[in-house]
């Protein structure tokens, strides 16, 4: 039973890490594909 608790704990670590990375990638992708084209840089008109 002790190994079951340890295994469940360590499988949660990569799952949480992957979920955080997925959230960050989603936000960065949204900003670069949707928000950034609406506001071009000053040199580009």
PDB file of N, CA and C in Angstrom:
ATOM      1  N   UNK A   1       0.824  -1.196   0.000  1.00  0.00           N
ATOM      2  CA  UNK A   1       0.000   0.000   0.000  1.00  0.00           C
ATOM      3  C   UNK A   1       0.871   1.265   0.000  1.00  0.00           C
ATOM      4  N   UNK A   2       2.032   1.157   0.590  1.00  0.00           N
ATOM      5  CA  UNK A   2       2.937   2.311   0.619  1.00  0.00           C
ATOM      6  C   UNK A   2       3.391   2.669  -0.790  1.00  0.00           C
ATOM      7  N   UNK A   3       3.675   1.687  -1.601  1.00  0.00           N
ATOM      8  CA  UNK A   3       4.110   1.955  -2.975  1.00  0.00           C
ATOM      9  C   UNK A   3       3.005   2.593  -3.808  1.00  0.00           C
ATOM     10  N   UNK A   4       1.771   2.259  -3.523  1.00  0.00           N
ATOM     11  CA  UNK A   4       0.652   2.849  -4.262  1.00  0.00           C
ATOM     12  C   UNK A   4       0.572   4.351  -4.005  1.00  0.00           C
ATOM     13  N   UNK A   5       0.754   4.775  -2.783  1.00  0.00           N
ATOM     14  CA  UNK A   5       0.730   6.203  -2.467  1.00  0.00           C
ATOM     15  C   UNK A   5       1.893   6.928  -3.137  1.00  0.00           C
ATOM     16  N   UNK A   6       3.075   6.347  -3.063  1.00  0.00           N
ATOM     17  CA  UNK A   6       4.251   6.977  -3.669  1.00  0.00           C
ATOM     18  C   UNK A   6       4.064   7.072  -5.176  1.00  0.00           C
ATOM     19  N   UNK A   7       3.565   6.031  -5.805  1.00  0.00           N
ATOM     20  CA  UNK A   7       3.373   6.042  -7.251  1.00  0.00           C
ATOM     21  C   UNK A   7       2.358   7.113  -7.651  1.00  0.00           C
ATOM     22  N   UNK A   8       1.276   7.226  -6.927  1.00  0.00           N
ATOM     23  CA  UNK A   8       0.273   8.229  -7.251  1.00  0.00           C
ATOM     24  C   UNK A   8       0.831   9.636  -7.091  1.00  0.00           C
ATOM     25  N   UNK A   9       1.658   9.826  -6.095  1.00  0.00           N
ATOM     26  CA  UNK A   9       2.249  11.144  -5.883  1.00  0.00           C
ATOM     27  C   UNK A   9       3.161  11.506  -7.053  1.00  0.00           C
ATOM     28  N   UNK A  10       4.019  10.595  -7.467  1.00  0.00           N
ATOM     29  CA  UNK A  10       4.999  10.927  -8.507  1.00  0.00           C
ATOM     30  C   UNK A  10       4.377  10.995  -9.891  1.00  0.00           C
ATOM     31  N   UNK A  11       3.285  10.330 -10.135  1.00  0.00           N
ATOM     32  CA  UNK A  11       2.628  10.459 -11.440  1.00  0.00           C
ATOM     33  C   UNK A  11       1.928  11.815 -11.547  1.00  0.00           C
ATOM     34  N   UNK A  12       1.588  12.406 -10.414  1.00  0.00           N
ATOM     35  CA  UNK A  12       0.939  13.718 -10.426  1.00  0.00           C
ATOM     36  C   UNK A  12       1.914  14.824 -10.815  1.00  0.00           C
ATOM     37  N   UNK A  13       3.185  14.667 -10.484  1.00  0.00           N
ATOM     38  CA  UNK A  13       4.166  15.717 -10.766  1.00  0.00           C
ATOM     39  C   UNK A  13       4.285  15.992 -12.265  1.00  0.00           C
ATOM     40  N   UNK A  14       4.523  14.993 -13.125  1.00  0.00           N
ATOM     41  CA  UNK A  14       4.598  15.305 -14.561  1.00  0.00           C
ATOM     42  C   UNK A  14       3.255  15.737 -15.148  1.00  0.00           C
ATOM     43  N   UNK A  15       2.150  15.257 -14.594  1.00  0.00           N
ATOM     44  CA  UNK A  15       0.846  15.687 -15.095  1.00  0.00           C
ATOM     45  C   UNK A  15       0.605  17.167 -14.820  1.00  0.00           C
ATOM     46  N   UNK A  16       0.941  17.619 -13.636  1.00  0.00           N
ATOM     47  CA  UNK A  16       0.778  19.032 -13.298  1.00  0.00           C
ATOM     48  C   UNK A  16       1.743  19.881 -14.125  1.00  0.00           C
ATOM     49  N   UNK A  17       2.972  19.438 -14.258  1.00  0.00           N
ATOM     50  CA  UNK A  17       3.969  20.163 -15.050  1.00  0.00           C
ATOM     51  C   UNK A  17       3.502  20.286 -16.501  1.00  0.00           C
ATOM     52  N   UNK A  18       2.980  19.216 -17.065  1.00  0.00           N
ATOM     53  CA  UNK A  18       2.477  19.254 -18.435  1.00  0.00           C
ATOM     54  C   UNK A  18       1.265  20.162 -18.579  1.00  0.00           C
ATOM     55  N   UNK A  19       0.398  20.167 -17.592  1.00  0.00           N
ATOM     56  CA  UNK A  19      -0.784  21.038 -17.647  1.00  0.00           C
ATOM     57  C   UNK A  19      -0.389  22.504 -17.576  1.00  0.00           C
ATOM     58  N   UNK A  20       0.598  22.826 -16.745  1.00  0.00           N
ATOM     59  CA  UNK A  20       1.070  24.210 -16.653  1.00  0.00           C
ATOM     60  C   UNK A  20       1.713  24.632 -17.963  1.00  0.00           C
ATOM     61  N   UNK A  21       2.539  23.775 -18.544  1.00  0.00           N
ATOM     62  CA  UNK A  21       3.157  24.094 -19.836  1.00  0.00           C
ATOM     63  C   UNK A  21       2.110  24.256 -20.933  1.00  0.00           C
ATOM     64  N   UNK A  22       1.087  23.413 -20.910  1.00  0.00           N
ATOM     65  CA  UNK A  22       0.021  23.523 -21.896  1.00  0.00           C
ATOM     66  C   UNK A  22      -0.719  24.851 -21.764  1.00  0.00           C
ATOM     67  N   UNK A  23      -0.984  25.273 -20.545  1.00  0.00           N
ATOM     68  CA  UNK A  23      -1.651  26.553 -20.316  1.00  0.00           C
ATOM     69  C   UNK A  23      -0.813  27.725 -20.800  1.00  0.00           C
ATOM     70  N   UNK A  24       0.485  27.696 -20.506  1.00  0.00           N
ATOM     71  CA  UNK A  24       1.372  28.770 -20.948  1.00  0.00           C
ATOM     72  C   UNK A  24       1.460  28.792 -22.469  1.00  0.00           C
ATOM     73  N   UNK A  25       1.581  27.622 -23.092  1.00  0.00           N
ATOM     74  CA  UNK A  25       1.663  27.550 -24.552  1.00  0.00           C
ATOM     75  C   UNK A  25       0.377  28.050 -25.199  1.00  0.00           C
ATOM     76  N   UNK A  26      -0.759  27.775 -24.595  1.00  0.00           N
ATOM     77  CA  UNK A  26      -2.032  28.251 -25.125  1.00  0.00           C
ATOM     78  C   UNK A  26      -2.116  29.771 -25.070  1.00  0.00           C
ATOM     79  N   UNK A  27      -1.696  30.353 -23.964  1.00  0.00           N
ATOM     80  CA  UNK A  27      -1.728  31.803 -23.831  1.00  0.00           C
ATOM     81  C   UNK A  27      -0.768  32.465 -24.806  1.00  0.00           C
ATOM     82  N   UNK A  28       0.448  31.940 -24.912  1.00  0.00           N
ATOM     83  CA  UNK A  28       1.437  32.506 -25.835  1.00  0.00           C
ATOM     84  C   UNK A  28       0.955  32.372 -27.279  1.00  0.00           C
ATOM     85  N   UNK A  29       0.393  31.244 -27.629  1.00  0.00           N
ATOM     86  CA  UNK A  29      -0.130  31.054 -28.978  1.00  0.00           C
ATOM     87  C   UNK A  29      -1.273  31.995 -29.291  1.00  0.00           C
ATOM     88  N   UNK A  30      -2.132  32.228 -28.343  1.00  0.00           N
ATOM     89  CA  UNK A  30      -3.255  33.153 -28.541  1.00  0.00           C
ATOM     90  C   UNK A  30      -2.753  34.571 -28.757  1.00  0.00           C
ATOM     91  N   UNK A  31      -1.802  34.977 -27.935  1.00  0.00           N
ATOM     92  CA  UNK A  31      -1.279  36.334 -28.057  1.00  0.00           C
ATOM     93  C   UNK A  31      -0.578  36.518 -29.404  1.00  0.00           C
ATOM     94  N   UNK A  32       0.216  35.544 -29.822  1.00  0.00           N
ATOM     95  CA  UNK A  32       0.964  35.709 -31.071  1.00  0.00           C
ATOM     96  C   UNK A  32       0.072  35.608 -32.304  1.00  0.00           C
ATOM     97  N   UNK A  33      -0.962  34.811 -32.272  1.00  0.00           N
ATOM     98  CA  UNK A  33      -1.796  34.613 -33.458  1.00  0.00           C
ATOM     99  C   UNK A  33      -3.004  35.539 -33.525  1.00  0.00           C
ATOM    100  N   UNK A  34      -3.519  36.006 -32.392  1.00  0.00           N
ATOM    101  CA  UNK A  34      -4.753  36.789 -32.383  1.00  0.00           C
ATOM    102  C   UNK A  34      -4.501  38.244 -31.995  1.00  0.00           C
ATOM    103  N   UNK A  35      -3.835  38.442 -30.895  1.00  0.00           N
ATOM    104  CA  UNK A  35      -3.660  39.805 -30.369  1.00  0.00           C
ATOM    105  C   UNK A  35      -2.593  40.576 -31.143  1.00  0.00           C
ATOM    106  N   UNK A  36      -1.471  39.951 -31.404  1.00  0.00           N
ATOM    107  CA  UNK A  36      -0.349  40.653 -32.030  1.00  0.00           C
ATOM    108  C   UNK A  36      -0.665  41.188 -33.429  1.00  0.00           C
ATOM    109  N   UNK A  37      -1.372  40.466 -34.296  1.00  0.00           N
ATOM    110  CA  UNK A  37      -1.693  41.044 -35.613  1.00  0.00           C
ATOM    111  C   UNK A  37      -2.604  42.277 -35.542  1.00  0.00           C
ATOM    112  N   UNK A  38      -3.353  42.430 -34.470  1.00  0.00           N
ATOM    113  CA  UNK A  38      -4.228  43.612 -34.342  1.00  0.00           C
ATOM    114  C   UNK A  38      -3.438  44.875 -34.094  1.00  0.00           C
ATOM    115  N   UNK A  39      -2.271  44.741 -33.465  1.00  0.00           N
ATOM    116  CA  UNK A  39      -1.461  45.895 -33.099  1.00  0.00           C
ATOM    117  C   UNK A  39      -0.073  45.760 -33.708  1.00  0.00           C
ATOM    118  N   UNK A  40       0.106  46.201 -34.954  1.00  0.00           N
ATOM    119  CA  UNK A  40       1.437  46.076 -35.575  1.00  0.00           C
ATOM    120  C   UNK A  40       2.441  47.001 -34.898  1.00  0.00           C
ATOM    121  N   UNK A  41       3.709  46.705 -35.093  1.00  0.00           N
ATOM    122  CA  UNK A  41       4.763  47.525 -34.506  1.00  0.00           C
ATOM    123  C   UNK A  41       4.789  48.879 -35.195  1.00  0.00           C
ATOM    124  N   UNK A  42       5.441  49.839 -34.580  1.00  0.00           N
ATOM    125  CA  UNK A  42       5.442  51.209 -35.094  1.00  0.00           C
ATOM    126  C   UNK A  42       6.121  51.323 -36.454  1.00  0.00           C
ATOM    127  N   UNK A  43       7.112  50.509 -36.716  1.00  0.00           N
ATOM    128  CA  UNK A  43       7.816  50.568 -38.003  1.00  0.00           C
ATOM    129  C   UNK A  43       6.985  50.021 -39.147  1.00  0.00           C
ATOM    130  N   UNK A  44       6.012  49.170 -38.841  1.00  0.00           N
ATOM    131  CA  UNK A  44       5.168  48.557 -39.871  1.00  0.00           C
ATOM    132  C   UNK A  44       3.839  49.289 -39.926  1.00  0.00           C
ATOM    133  N   UNK A  45       3.463  49.710 -41.134  1.00  0.00           N
ATOM    134  CA  UNK A  45       2.176  50.421 -41.258  1.00  0.00           C
ATOM    135  C   UNK A  45       1.280  49.734 -42.226  1.00  0.00           C
TER     136      UNK A  45
END
